[in-house]
Amino acid sequence: MSAPHRRPAPAPSLYAYARSLRDATPGSPPPRGGLPLPGTARPAYGEGARPPYKKAREIVTGLLHAGLAEPDADRAAAETERALVATRVREQLVLPTAAALVPADPPAARALARRLVRAGTTVHGVAAGLGLLTRLGTPEDVPYLRTLGWLEGVHRYAVDALVPLDRPAAALLWLTHQAGNASRPLVEALTARDSAAVRERLLGLAGDDRSMGPDEARRVAEAAGLADLLDRSPDDTALLGQALRLLARTVTQGDHGAEILDHADGPALYGTVAARARLLPPDPGHQARLVTLAQELHSGAAHLLDWPPGRRETVLAHLLDAVRPPAEAGRRADWIRRTAGHLHALGPALAPEPAPASAPRLRIEVAVADPAGPTAVETRILVDGRPILPLAFPQGRGDTPERLIDSGALRAGDEPRPVRLGVTSCAEACCGALYATVRREGPHVVWDGWRRPGRPPELPAYRFDADAYDAEIARAEHDHAWTWPARHTARLITAGLRDRPGILTRWGLRQGWISTYFRDPDTTVVTFTGPPPDGAGEPRQFLWHLPDDGSPPGERAADALRRMSETDPRTLAARP
């Protein structure tokens, strides 16, 4: 007698699967990258093309609307998941498409989302539910999202859904799978909810400022509840020093934008660190980080945090009052003295901002980063005291002063022209830039025609008083206070070649960039393009290196211009 035919057991939901794995190792985090998915979670597609991006988004949107029209949530979830898999749409498109949906019936959409999250058997189905919950989730959903975060390929979607519901949980999940090995002991302590170990692991993080990116630093502070830890330990100067380090890394512009703008406890942590800053030992590292926080609070993205009236100015004053300029020499010590002195001299920046005048006020500043790392230099545009780049284009940083100020790009003429104000760290061709059209219109200078990638031009047209505008441009063009000898030399050489272009053209050469290296700020680099000295071969770039020899920048620049006018610059560039 043959055995009775048995139907295959249904695939377990991904949530049930993840819960069983989690319960097998209580109190421990999953491995970095997540645990492997069951074989049924990603059906084999076989041969055939997948829909292109725009069409795929339309397909997913249509299927979700169809699911919302089905009154039975169980049936709707099952049919939606089955249809999503059958479309051959890439799973990476499902969550952002679902997250962008604005349902007419939020309770029905929430019911569908929860059914997909808790009973879905494929990544497509679960991603659709997680996407809907990024807009519709409640605290009830947090345990399910955290559990699904154990799985490979699903954890990134779970992080997105957790962010609006539980920032510390989202940060811990991100650290579990994305952070480097140095943060793993902290992840383990947080998962085990061992408060003593959390403090110990926080203090054990590497002391090198550049070993941790801004995104990781922000999430470490959020996952650990650093602001609350400081409140509970008012005399813990070691913890205060680590909080200062993490906050200083968070405010540093990263590859993915201004992380401080996403810091849930940013104002609280800023305020606590500033209020206790005088308790810290006066070593150069602490002093440089305090100056970094002050500079970013004045003209960077931290200015745009949700500060109560007058609070930002108070915090900024506390930071500057705690800075004790070092007595020793050196570029970092010079930067601390110069930057702190500049912020002190501004004076009105520490007072509550007055109501805007009839015409907005323009201020152009140059921000130089802590020389302990790669020397980043950017131009910052403030309108009525507020920096516009992190507001309009937070993924970018201001263009260099050589490109934006020294070139005369910001000068306004009768003919409208686009001006690039900021660009991403990768390249404009990769992730875009921020442009404004600048023109003179009677007694005003107008900035409008904003262009930036990924979002509509929501900025207003700014109409500046033309006389005040011209005065500010002139002041910025003659401001050398922010610079250092090698960079100052580069600016003077550039100005000399601009006034005397024949110095290079007489040799058949075209000027290139003239500045300092990102990682070697004490060497002036002059570049130019032209044929090899013997005239044979294609044009190429030549680099002439001028290490800082201690002589005044004006003398070095004049000597460099003289030598290029008397000697073929290609022979200078060939020298070590």
Protein backbone atom coordinates (compact mmCIF):
# COMPACT_ATOMS: atom_id res chain seq x y z
CA MET A 1 0.00 0.00 0.00
CA SER A 2 1.54 3.30 -1.05
CA ALA A 3 2.05 6.11 1.40
CA PRO A 4 -0.57 8.88 1.25
CA HIS A 5 0.41 11.95 -0.78
CA ARG A 6 1.56 14.82 1.43
CA ARG A 7 1.32 18.43 0.47
CA PRO A 8 4.56 20.36 1.11
CA ALA A 9 4.55 22.35 4.31
CA PRO A 10 4.06 26.07 3.71
CA ALA A 11 7.18 28.20 4.00
CA PRO A 12 7.54 29.81 7.42
CA SER A 13 7.12 33.54 7.68
CA LEU A 14 10.42 35.40 7.75
CA TYR A 15 9.44 36.88 11.10
CA ALA A 16 8.86 33.40 12.64
CA TYR A 17 12.12 32.19 11.14
CA ALA A 18 14.05 35.18 12.53
CA ARG A 19 12.43 34.83 15.95
CA SER A 20 13.48 31.18 16.21
CA LEU A 21 17.09 32.12 15.43
CA ARG A 22 17.03 35.01 17.89
CA ASP A 23 15.60 32.86 20.70
CA ALA A 24 18.34 30.30 20.18
CA THR A 25 20.97 32.81 21.34
CA PRO A 26 19.28 35.11 23.87
CA GLY A 27 21.16 38.26 24.81
CA SER A 28 23.54 38.08 21.86
CA PRO A 29 23.45 40.10 18.65
CA PRO A 30 23.29 38.49 15.22
CA PRO A 31 26.49 38.29 13.20
CA ARG A 32 27.52 41.28 11.12
CA GLY A 33 25.56 41.22 7.88
CA GLY A 34 22.75 39.08 9.30
CA LEU A 35 21.83 35.42 9.31
CA PRO A 36 21.18 33.61 6.01
CA LEU A 37 17.64 33.68 4.69
CA PRO A 38 15.69 30.49 4.02
CA GLY A 39 15.87 29.30 0.43
CA THR A 40 12.26 30.30 -0.21
CA ALA A 41 12.77 33.95 0.69
CA ARG A 42 14.09 34.87 -2.74
CA PRO A 43 12.36 32.86 -5.48
CA ALA A 44 14.43 31.97 -8.53
CA TYR A 45 13.55 34.22 -11.45
CA GLY A 46 14.99 32.21 -14.30
CA GLU A 47 15.47 33.84 -17.68
CA GLY A 48 13.94 37.10 -18.88
CA ALA A 49 14.34 40.83 -18.37
CA ARG A 50 13.12 42.73 -15.34
CA PRO A 51 11.06 45.91 -15.66
CA PRO A 52 13.04 49.16 -15.87
CA TYR A 53 13.13 51.44 -12.83
CA LYS A 54 10.23 53.79 -13.61
CA LYS A 55 7.97 50.99 -14.81
CA ALA A 56 8.85 48.88 -11.79
CA ARG A 57 7.82 51.69 -9.42
CA GLU A 58 4.50 52.00 -11.24
CA ILE A 59 3.92 48.25 -11.00
CA VAL A 60 4.60 48.11 -7.25
CA THR A 61 2.40 51.15 -6.61
CA GLY A 62 -0.44 49.58 -8.56
CA LEU A 63 -0.18 46.28 -6.68
CA LEU A 64 -0.21 48.03 -3.31
CA HIS A 65 -3.29 50.02 -4.26
CA ALA A 66 -4.95 46.78 -5.35
CA GLY A 67 -4.11 45.21 -2.01
CA LEU A 68 -5.56 48.16 -0.16
CA ALA A 69 -8.81 47.71 -2.08
CA GLU A 70 -9.21 44.15 -0.71
CA PRO A 71 -11.13 44.30 2.61
CA ASP A 72 -9.65 41.04 3.98
CA ALA A 73 -6.12 41.88 5.24
CA ASP A 74 -4.95 38.24 5.18
CA ARG A 75 -6.10 37.74 1.60
CA ALA A 76 -4.75 41.15 0.58
CA ALA A 77 -1.30 40.41 2.03
CA ALA A 78 -1.05 36.96 0.43
CA GLU A 79 -2.15 38.17 -2.99
CA THR A 80 0.04 41.28 -2.85
CA GLU A 81 3.12 39.26 -1.94
CA ARG A 82 2.46 36.66 -4.63
CA ALA A 83 1.94 39.37 -7.25
CA LEU A 84 5.09 41.27 -6.23
CA VAL A 85 7.23 38.17 -6.66
CA ALA A 86 5.63 37.37 -10.02
CA THR A 87 6.43 40.81 -11.47
CA ARG A 88 10.21 40.15 -11.34
CA VAL A 89 10.69 43.64 -9.84
CA ARG A 90 13.96 44.08 -7.98
CA GLU A 91 13.45 43.84 -4.23
CA GLN A 92 15.49 47.04 -3.63
CA LEU A 93 12.72 49.05 -5.30
CA VAL A 94 9.89 47.68 -3.19
CA LEU A 95 10.56 49.45 0.13
CA PRO A 96 11.09 53.02 -1.20
CA THR A 97 8.04 52.66 -3.43
CA ALA A 98 5.89 51.50 -0.53
CA ALA A 99 7.32 54.21 1.73
CA ALA A 100 6.32 56.89 -0.78
CA LEU A 101 2.69 55.72 -0.88
CA VAL A 102 0.16 58.07 0.76
CA PRO A 103 -2.87 55.84 1.43
CA ALA A 104 -6.39 57.23 1.53
CA ASP A 105 -7.23 54.80 4.36
CA PRO A 106 -4.24 54.72 6.77
CA PRO A 107 -5.76 52.10 9.17
CA ALA A 108 -6.35 49.70 6.27
CA ALA A 109 -2.83 50.31 4.96
CA ARG A 110 -1.38 49.73 8.44
CA ALA A 111 -3.30 46.43 8.71
CA LEU A 112 -1.93 45.31 5.33
CA ALA A 113 1.60 46.37 6.31
CA ARG A 114 1.50 44.43 9.57
CA ARG A 115 0.22 41.31 7.85
CA LEU A 116 3.02 41.50 5.29
CA VAL A 117 5.64 42.06 7.99
CA ARG A 118 4.43 39.31 10.33
CA ALA A 119 3.32 36.66 7.83
CA GLY A 120 5.34 37.45 4.71
CA THR A 121 7.51 34.59 3.46
CA THR A 122 9.58 36.51 0.89
CA VAL A 123 11.82 39.53 0.99
CA HIS A 124 9.50 41.24 -1.51
CA GLY A 125 6.47 40.88 0.75
CA VAL A 126 8.25 41.86 3.95
CA ALA A 127 9.94 44.86 2.26
CA ALA A 128 6.55 46.13 1.09
CA GLY A 129 5.21 45.91 4.65
CA LEU A 130 8.27 47.60 6.11
CA GLY A 131 8.02 50.38 3.55
CA LEU A 132 4.42 51.10 4.52
CA LEU A 133 5.37 51.09 8.20
CA THR A 134 8.00 53.80 7.69
CA ARG A 135 5.01 56.15 7.43
CA LEU A 136 2.33 54.26 9.37
CA GLY A 137 4.15 52.31 12.09
CA THR A 138 3.51 52.66 15.82
CA PRO A 139 5.49 51.48 18.87
CA GLU A 140 3.57 48.19 18.65
CA ASP A 141 5.59 47.34 15.54
CA VAL A 142 9.05 47.85 17.03
CA PRO A 143 9.60 44.28 18.36
CA TYR A 144 8.76 42.80 14.95
CA LEU A 145 11.11 45.17 13.16
CA ARG A 146 13.97 44.49 15.53
CA THR A 147 13.52 40.74 15.11
CA LEU A 148 13.44 40.92 11.32
CA GLY A 149 16.65 42.90 11.57
CA TRP A 150 18.46 39.63 12.30
CA LEU A 151 18.17 38.56 8.68
CA GLU A 152 20.60 39.12 5.83
CA GLY A 153 19.17 41.47 3.22
CA VAL A 154 16.24 42.49 5.44
CA HIS A 155 18.06 44.39 8.18
CA ARG A 156 18.59 47.49 6.03
CA TYR A 157 14.84 47.74 5.45
CA ALA A 158 14.14 47.20 9.14
CA VAL A 159 16.46 50.11 9.99
CA ASP A 160 14.50 52.43 7.69
CA ALA A 161 11.22 51.43 9.31
CA LEU A 162 12.62 51.78 12.85
CA VAL A 163 14.03 55.30 12.42
CA PRO A 164 10.74 57.18 12.92
CA LEU A 165 9.67 54.85 15.76
CA ASP A 166 12.75 54.09 17.87
CA ARG A 167 15.96 55.89 16.96
CA PRO A 168 18.18 54.03 19.47
CA ALA A 169 16.90 50.66 18.20
CA ALA A 170 17.48 51.73 14.59
CA ALA A 171 21.00 52.91 15.45
CA LEU A 172 21.84 49.66 17.25
CA LEU A 173 20.59 47.60 14.33
CA TRP A 174 22.66 49.67 11.92
CA LEU A 175 25.76 49.28 14.08
CA THR A 176 25.16 45.53 14.33
CA HIS A 177 25.45 45.10 10.59
CA GLN A 178 27.32 48.12 9.22
CA ALA A 179 29.85 49.30 11.81
CA GLY A 180 33.48 48.28 11.91
CA ASN A 181 34.98 45.76 14.27
CA ALA A 182 35.85 48.43 16.84
CA SER A 183 32.16 48.96 17.65
CA ARG A 184 31.29 45.28 17.99
CA PRO A 185 31.96 45.08 21.78
CA LEU A 186 29.61 48.04 22.26
CA VAL A 187 26.94 46.30 20.17
CA GLU A 188 27.26 43.21 22.37
CA ALA A 189 26.97 45.24 25.58
CA LEU A 190 23.93 47.13 24.30
CA THR A 191 22.23 43.93 23.18
CA ALA A 192 22.85 42.38 26.60
CA ARG A 193 21.59 45.61 28.25
CA ASP A 194 24.65 45.74 30.49
CA SER A 195 24.90 49.44 31.42
CA ALA A 196 28.29 49.12 33.11
CA ALA A 197 29.71 47.37 30.07
CA VAL A 198 28.18 49.99 27.77
CA ARG A 199 30.18 52.75 29.45
CA GLU A 200 33.35 50.65 29.40
CA ARG A 201 32.91 49.81 25.71
CA LEU A 202 32.20 53.45 24.86
CA LEU A 203 35.45 54.51 26.51
CA GLY A 204 37.25 51.70 24.71
CA LEU A 205 36.48 53.04 21.27
CA ALA A 206 39.55 54.11 19.35
CA GLY A 207 40.99 57.49 20.23
CA ASP A 208 41.93 58.31 16.62
CA ASP A 209 39.42 60.90 15.44
CA ARG A 210 39.50 59.63 11.85
CA SER A 211 38.98 55.92 12.57
CA MET A 212 35.20 56.33 12.75
CA GLY A 213 33.01 57.99 10.17
CA PRO A 214 30.35 60.60 11.00
CA ASP A 215 27.53 58.11 10.30
CA GLU A 216 28.94 55.56 12.74
CA ALA A 217 29.68 58.21 15.39
CA ARG A 218 26.09 59.46 15.29
CA ARG A 219 24.65 55.99 15.65
CA VAL A 220 27.01 55.09 18.50
CA ALA A 221 25.75 58.12 20.42
CA GLU A 222 22.10 57.34 19.64
CA ALA A 223 22.29 53.61 20.38
CA ALA A 224 24.08 54.20 23.69
CA GLY A 225 21.75 57.03 24.72
CA LEU A 226 24.84 59.17 25.27
CA ALA A 227 22.93 62.31 26.26
CA ASP A 228 21.11 60.38 29.01
CA LEU A 229 24.35 58.72 30.16
CA LEU A 230 25.93 62.14 30.64
CA ASP A 231 22.91 63.37 32.57
CA ARG A 232 23.23 60.43 34.95
CA SER A 233 27.00 60.92 35.36
CA PRO A 234 27.64 64.66 35.73
CA ASP A 235 31.19 64.18 37.10
CA ASP A 236 32.38 61.55 34.59
CA THR A 237 34.98 63.53 32.65
CA ALA A 238 36.18 60.44 30.76
CA LEU A 239 32.69 59.90 29.39
CA LEU A 240 32.41 63.63 28.67
CA GLY A 241 35.62 63.52 26.64
CA GLN A 242 34.33 60.59 24.60
CA ALA A 243 31.02 62.40 24.05
CA LEU A 244 32.97 65.41 22.76
CA ARG A 245 34.89 63.19 20.36
CA LEU A 246 31.77 61.47 19.03
CA LEU A 247 29.89 64.74 18.60
CA ALA A 248 32.85 66.35 16.83
CA ARG A 249 32.96 63.42 14.40
CA THR A 250 29.20 63.62 13.86
CA VAL A 251 29.28 67.29 12.86
CA THR A 252 32.09 66.64 10.37
CA GLN A 253 30.77 66.51 6.82
CA GLY A 254 30.74 62.90 5.61
CA ASP A 255 30.30 61.23 2.26
CA HIS A 256 26.54 60.92 2.79
CA GLY A 257 25.72 64.38 4.05
CA ALA A 258 25.39 66.23 7.35
CA GLU A 259 24.85 63.48 9.92
CA ILE A 260 24.18 65.95 12.75
CA LEU A 261 20.87 66.86 11.11
CA ASP A 262 19.67 63.28 11.71
CA HIS A 263 20.85 63.13 15.33
CA ALA A 264 17.74 62.71 17.49
CA ASP A 265 19.52 64.01 20.61
CA GLY A 266 21.77 66.53 18.84
CA PRO A 267 20.69 69.69 20.72
CA ALA A 268 20.67 67.93 24.10
CA LEU A 269 24.11 66.40 23.58
CA TYR A 270 25.52 69.67 22.26
CA GLY A 271 24.16 71.56 25.27
CA THR A 272 25.47 69.10 27.85
CA VAL A 273 28.95 68.92 26.32
CA ALA A 274 29.15 72.72 26.08
CA ALA A 275 27.93 73.32 29.64
CA ARG A 276 30.58 70.96 31.08
CA ALA A 277 33.39 71.66 28.62
CA ARG A 278 35.47 73.52 31.22
CA LEU A 279 35.80 70.26 33.19
CA LEU A 280 37.89 68.71 30.41
CA PRO A 281 41.71 68.69 30.50
CA PRO A 282 43.08 71.44 28.22
CA ASP A 283 44.86 69.10 25.80
CA PRO A 284 44.99 70.10 22.09
CA GLY A 285 42.59 67.36 21.03
CA HIS A 286 39.81 68.56 23.34
CA GLN A 287 40.44 72.19 22.40
CA ALA A 288 40.33 71.45 18.67
CA ARG A 289 37.06 69.53 19.03
CA LEU A 290 35.47 72.37 20.99
CA VAL A 291 36.44 74.77 18.20
CA THR A 292 35.01 72.33 15.63
CA LEU A 293 31.69 72.23 17.48
CA ALA A 294 31.63 76.03 17.74
CA GLN A 295 32.41 76.54 14.05
CA GLU A 296 29.71 74.08 12.97
CA LEU A 297 27.20 75.66 15.36
CA HIS A 298 27.93 79.09 13.91
CA SER A 299 27.99 78.42 10.16
CA GLY A 300 27.49 74.68 9.59
CA ALA A 301 24.63 72.21 9.65
CA ALA A 302 24.44 72.20 13.47
CA HIS A 303 23.08 75.75 13.22
CA LEU A 304 19.90 74.27 11.72
CA LEU A 305 19.03 71.91 14.58
CA ASP A 306 15.79 72.56 16.43
CA TRP A 307 17.12 75.14 18.89
CA PRO A 308 14.74 77.03 21.21
CA PRO A 309 15.11 80.82 20.91
CA GLY A 310 18.48 81.95 22.24
CA ARG A 311 19.67 78.43 23.05
CA ARG A 312 22.07 78.07 20.13
CA GLU A 313 23.77 81.35 21.04
CA THR A 314 24.13 80.24 24.67
CA VAL A 315 25.66 76.91 23.70
CA LEU A 316 28.05 78.62 21.30
CA ALA A 317 29.17 81.03 24.01
CA HIS A 318 29.81 78.13 26.43
CA LEU A 319 31.94 76.34 23.84
CA LEU A 320 34.07 79.39 23.09
CA ASP A 321 34.47 80.25 26.77
CA ALA A 322 35.90 76.77 27.36
CA VAL A 323 38.53 77.06 24.61
CA ARG A 324 42.00 77.68 26.02
CA PRO A 325 44.27 78.41 23.04
CA PRO A 326 47.45 76.33 23.30
CA ALA A 327 50.73 78.06 23.95
CA GLU A 328 52.78 75.75 21.73
CA ALA A 329 53.45 76.29 18.03
CA GLY A 330 52.21 74.15 15.19
CA ARG A 331 49.53 74.22 12.52
CA ARG A 332 46.81 72.72 14.72
CA ALA A 333 47.56 75.19 17.51
CA ASP A 334 47.52 78.05 14.99
CA TRP A 335 44.16 76.85 13.66
CA ILE A 336 42.67 76.72 17.17
CA ARG A 337 43.81 80.27 17.94
CA ARG A 338 42.79 81.65 14.55
CA THR A 339 39.34 80.01 14.37
CA ALA A 340 38.38 80.65 17.99
CA GLY A 341 39.54 84.25 17.64
CA HIS A 342 37.47 84.71 14.50
CA LEU A 343 34.33 83.37 16.18
CA HIS A 344 34.91 85.56 19.24
CA ALA A 345 35.41 88.62 17.03
CA LEU A 346 32.08 88.11 15.29
CA GLY A 347 30.35 89.14 18.52
CA PRO A 348 26.81 89.57 17.14
CA ALA A 349 26.70 85.89 16.26
CA LEU A 350 26.45 85.14 19.96
CA ALA A 351 23.38 87.34 20.39
CA PRO A 352 19.86 86.40 19.32
CA GLU A 353 19.41 87.18 15.62
CA PRO A 354 17.32 90.28 14.90
CA ALA A 355 14.31 90.18 12.64
CA PRO A 356 15.34 90.18 8.96
CA ALA A 357 15.68 93.59 7.35
CA SER A 358 13.79 94.58 4.21
CA ALA A 359 16.55 92.94 2.16
CA PRO A 360 18.26 89.73 3.35
CA ARG A 361 21.79 90.06 4.66
CA LEU A 362 24.56 88.09 2.96
CA ARG A 363 27.63 86.82 4.79
CA ILE A 364 30.42 84.79 3.18
CA GLU A 365 32.74 82.80 5.41
CA VAL A 366 35.49 80.27 4.83
CA ALA A 367 35.55 77.26 7.16
CA VAL A 368 38.76 75.28 7.60
CA ALA A 369 38.52 71.86 9.27
CA ASP A 370 40.71 70.65 12.13
CA PRO A 371 44.20 70.13 10.62
CA ALA A 372 44.55 66.85 12.54
CA GLY A 373 42.75 65.27 9.58
CA PRO A 374 42.67 65.97 5.85
CA THR A 375 42.43 69.74 5.52
CA ALA A 376 38.97 70.44 4.11
CA VAL A 377 38.28 74.07 3.19
CA GLU A 378 34.85 75.26 2.12
CA THR A 379 33.00 78.49 1.44
CA ARG A 380 29.86 78.96 3.51
CA ILE A 381 27.00 81.23 2.50
CA LEU A 382 24.85 82.66 5.29
CA VAL A 383 21.63 84.54 4.60
CA ASP A 384 20.27 86.41 7.62
CA GLY A 385 22.71 84.42 9.72
CA ARG A 386 21.55 80.97 8.55
CA PRO A 387 23.73 78.72 6.37
CA ILE A 388 21.86 77.90 3.19
CA LEU A 389 23.89 74.94 1.89
CA PRO A 390 22.97 72.40 4.62
CA LEU A 391 19.39 73.63 4.35
CA ALA A 392 19.20 73.31 0.56
CA PHE A 393 21.76 70.61 -0.22
CA PRO A 394 22.79 68.73 2.94
CA GLN A 395 24.62 66.02 1.01
CA GLY A 396 27.13 68.57 -0.31
CA ARG A 397 29.73 70.97 1.00
CA GLY A 398 30.57 74.52 -0.09
CA ASP A 399 32.92 75.03 -3.00
CA THR A 400 36.49 76.10 -2.30
CA PRO A 401 37.16 79.82 -1.81
CA GLU A 402 39.55 79.73 -4.78
CA ARG A 403 36.73 78.57 -7.06
CA LEU A 404 33.88 80.57 -5.56
CA ILE A 405 35.46 83.77 -4.14
CA ASP A 406 38.86 84.39 -5.72
CA SER A 407 37.57 83.67 -9.24
CA GLY A 408 34.96 86.41 -8.97
CA ALA A 409 32.17 83.87 -9.53
CA LEU A 410 29.90 85.58 -7.00
CA ARG A 411 30.20 89.03 -8.53
CA ALA A 412 26.87 90.06 -10.01
CA GLY A 413 26.52 91.39 -13.55
CA ASP A 414 23.60 92.37 -15.73
CA GLU A 415 23.69 89.01 -17.50
CA PRO A 416 22.30 86.14 -15.39
CA ARG A 417 24.74 83.29 -14.89
CA PRO A 418 24.66 80.04 -12.93
CA VAL A 419 27.07 79.75 -10.01
CA ARG A 420 27.94 76.49 -8.30
CA LEU A 421 27.72 76.98 -4.54
CA GLY A 422 28.32 73.43 -3.33
CA VAL A 423 29.11 69.92 -4.53
CA THR A 424 29.13 66.40 -3.12
CA SER A 425 32.39 64.83 -1.93
CA CYS A 426 32.40 62.26 -4.74
CA ALA A 427 31.90 64.50 -7.78
CA GLU A 428 29.25 66.63 -9.42
CA ALA A 429 28.86 64.05 -12.20
CA CYS A 430 28.13 61.38 -9.58
CA CYS A 431 25.76 62.91 -7.02
CA GLY A 432 25.23 66.47 -8.18
CA ALA A 433 25.72 70.03 -7.00
CA LEU A 434 23.80 73.12 -5.90
CA TYR A 435 23.53 76.00 -8.35
CA ALA A 436 21.96 79.45 -8.13
CA THR A 437 21.52 81.96 -10.93
CA VAL A 438 23.08 85.32 -9.96
CA ARG A 439 22.12 88.58 -11.66
CA ARG A 440 21.98 92.31 -11.01
CA GLU A 441 18.54 93.86 -11.22
CA GLY A 442 18.48 97.62 -10.59
CA PRO A 443 19.29 98.28 -6.91
CA HIS A 444 19.27 94.55 -6.11
CA VAL A 445 21.28 91.42 -6.71
CA VAL A 446 19.01 88.42 -7.19
CA TRP A 447 19.72 84.76 -6.50
CA ASP A 448 17.12 82.42 -7.97
CA GLY A 449 16.86 79.59 -10.50
CA TRP A 450 18.04 77.06 -7.91
CA ARG A 451 19.18 73.70 -9.25
CA ARG A 452 19.99 70.60 -7.22
CA PRO A 453 19.52 66.87 -7.73
CA GLY A 454 16.79 64.69 -6.29
CA ARG A 455 14.33 67.31 -5.13
CA PRO A 456 12.37 70.28 -6.53
CA PRO A 457 13.78 73.82 -6.23
CA GLU A 458 12.04 74.89 -3.02
CA LEU A 459 14.34 77.77 -2.09
CA PRO A 460 13.01 81.31 -2.48
CA ALA A 461 14.51 84.00 -4.66
CA TYR A 462 16.83 86.15 -2.54
CA ARG A 463 16.96 89.87 -3.37
CA PHE A 464 20.03 91.49 -1.78
CA ASP A 465 20.72 95.21 -1.60
CA ALA A 466 23.28 95.65 -4.40
CA ASP A 467 25.61 98.02 -2.51
CA ALA A 468 25.69 95.81 0.57
CA TYR A 469 26.17 92.74 -1.65
CA ASP A 470 29.12 94.26 -3.51
CA ALA A 471 30.72 95.31 -0.21
CA GLU A 472 30.45 91.77 1.17
CA ILE A 473 31.91 90.22 -1.99
CA ALA A 474 34.84 92.66 -1.83
CA ARG A 475 35.42 91.91 1.86
CA ALA A 476 35.44 88.15 1.21
CA GLU A 477 37.82 88.48 -1.75
CA HIS A 478 40.34 90.36 0.40
CA ASP A 479 39.97 88.16 3.48
CA HIS A 480 43.14 86.14 4.07
CA ALA A 481 42.63 85.57 7.80
CA TRP A 482 41.41 81.99 7.37
CA THR A 483 44.40 80.79 5.38
CA TRP A 484 47.88 79.45 6.21
CA PRO A 485 51.25 80.13 4.49
CA ALA A 486 51.19 77.47 1.73
CA ARG A 487 47.54 78.13 0.88
CA HIS A 488 48.09 81.91 0.98
CA THR A 489 51.03 81.51 -1.39
CA ALA A 490 48.81 79.55 -3.77
CA ARG A 491 46.16 82.30 -3.76
CA LEU A 492 48.77 84.99 -4.47
CA ILE A 493 50.26 82.99 -7.35
CA THR A 494 46.77 82.52 -8.80
CA ALA A 495 46.09 86.25 -8.54
CA GLY A 496 49.43 87.02 -10.21
CA LEU A 497 48.72 84.69 -13.13
CA ARG A 498 45.24 86.16 -13.47
CA ASP A 499 46.75 89.64 -13.80
CA ARG A 500 49.60 88.45 -16.06
CA PRO A 501 48.32 85.53 -18.15
CA GLY A 502 51.25 85.87 -20.53
CA ILE A 503 53.55 84.26 -17.96
CA LEU A 504 52.24 80.84 -19.01
CA THR A 505 50.90 81.48 -22.50
CA ARG A 506 54.33 82.53 -23.74
CA TRP A 507 55.40 78.93 -23.10
CA GLY A 508 52.29 77.48 -24.73
CA LEU A 509 50.89 76.42 -21.35
CA ARG A 510 47.43 76.62 -19.83
CA GLN A 511 46.91 77.21 -16.10
CA GLY A 512 45.38 74.41 -14.01
CA TRP A 513 44.48 74.29 -10.34
CA ILE A 514 46.75 75.99 -7.82
CA SER A 515 46.27 75.13 -4.17
CA THR A 516 47.51 72.71 -1.51
CA TYR A 517 47.08 68.97 -1.36
CA PHE A 518 44.21 67.58 0.72
CA ARG A 519 46.67 65.56 2.82
CA ASP A 520 49.73 67.79 2.47
CA PRO A 521 48.56 71.32 3.31
CA ASP A 522 52.09 72.69 3.74
CA THR A 523 53.05 72.33 0.08
CA THR A 524 51.84 74.75 -2.57
CA VAL A 525 51.07 72.95 -5.84
CA VAL A 526 51.03 74.81 -9.17
CA THR A 527 49.61 72.83 -12.10
CA PHE A 528 49.57 73.66 -15.80
CA THR A 529 48.91 71.78 -19.02
CA GLY A 530 50.83 71.74 -22.29
CA PRO A 531 53.03 69.68 -24.61
CA PRO A 532 56.25 68.08 -23.33
CA PRO A 533 59.34 70.34 -23.38
CA ASP A 534 60.55 68.85 -26.68
CA GLY A 535 57.16 69.49 -28.27
CA ALA A 536 56.61 65.83 -29.14
CA GLY A 537 53.57 63.98 -27.82
CA GLU A 538 50.17 64.83 -26.44
CA PRO A 539 49.67 67.68 -23.92
CA ARG A 540 49.85 66.58 -20.31
CA GLN A 541 49.59 68.04 -16.83
CA PHE A 542 52.67 69.29 -15.01
CA LEU A 543 52.89 69.78 -11.24
CA TRP A 544 55.32 72.12 -9.55
CA HIS A 545 55.65 71.55 -5.80
CA LEU A 546 56.69 74.40 -3.52
CA PRO A 547 57.14 73.17 0.09
CA ASP A 548 56.75 75.85 2.75
CA ASP A 549 60.26 77.08 3.58
CA GLY A 550 59.18 79.57 6.24
CA SER A 551 59.52 82.70 4.08
CA PRO A 552 56.55 85.10 3.82
CA PRO A 553 53.84 84.05 1.33
CA GLY A 554 54.17 87.32 -0.59
CA GLU A 555 57.88 86.72 -1.18
CA ARG A 556 57.37 83.08 -2.18
CA ALA A 557 54.58 83.96 -4.61
CA ALA A 558 56.60 86.78 -6.20
CA ASP A 559 59.61 84.49 -6.58
CA ALA A 560 57.47 81.74 -8.16
CA LEU A 561 55.95 84.18 -10.67
CA ARG A 562 59.39 85.55 -11.54
CA ARG A 563 60.84 82.08 -12.11
CA MET A 564 57.91 81.04 -14.33
CA SER A 565 58.32 84.19 -16.40
CA GLU A 566 62.08 83.66 -16.87
CA THR A 567 62.28 79.86 -17.05
CA ASP A 568 60.14 77.30 -18.87
CA PRO A 569 57.81 76.16 -16.05
CA ARG A 570 57.97 72.58 -17.34
CA THR A 571 61.58 72.38 -16.22
CA LEU A 572 60.59 73.61 -12.76
CA ALA A 573 57.91 70.96 -12.50
CA ALA A 574 60.41 68.26 -13.36
CA ARG A 575 62.48 69.04 -10.27
CA PRO A 576 61.88 67.13 -6.98
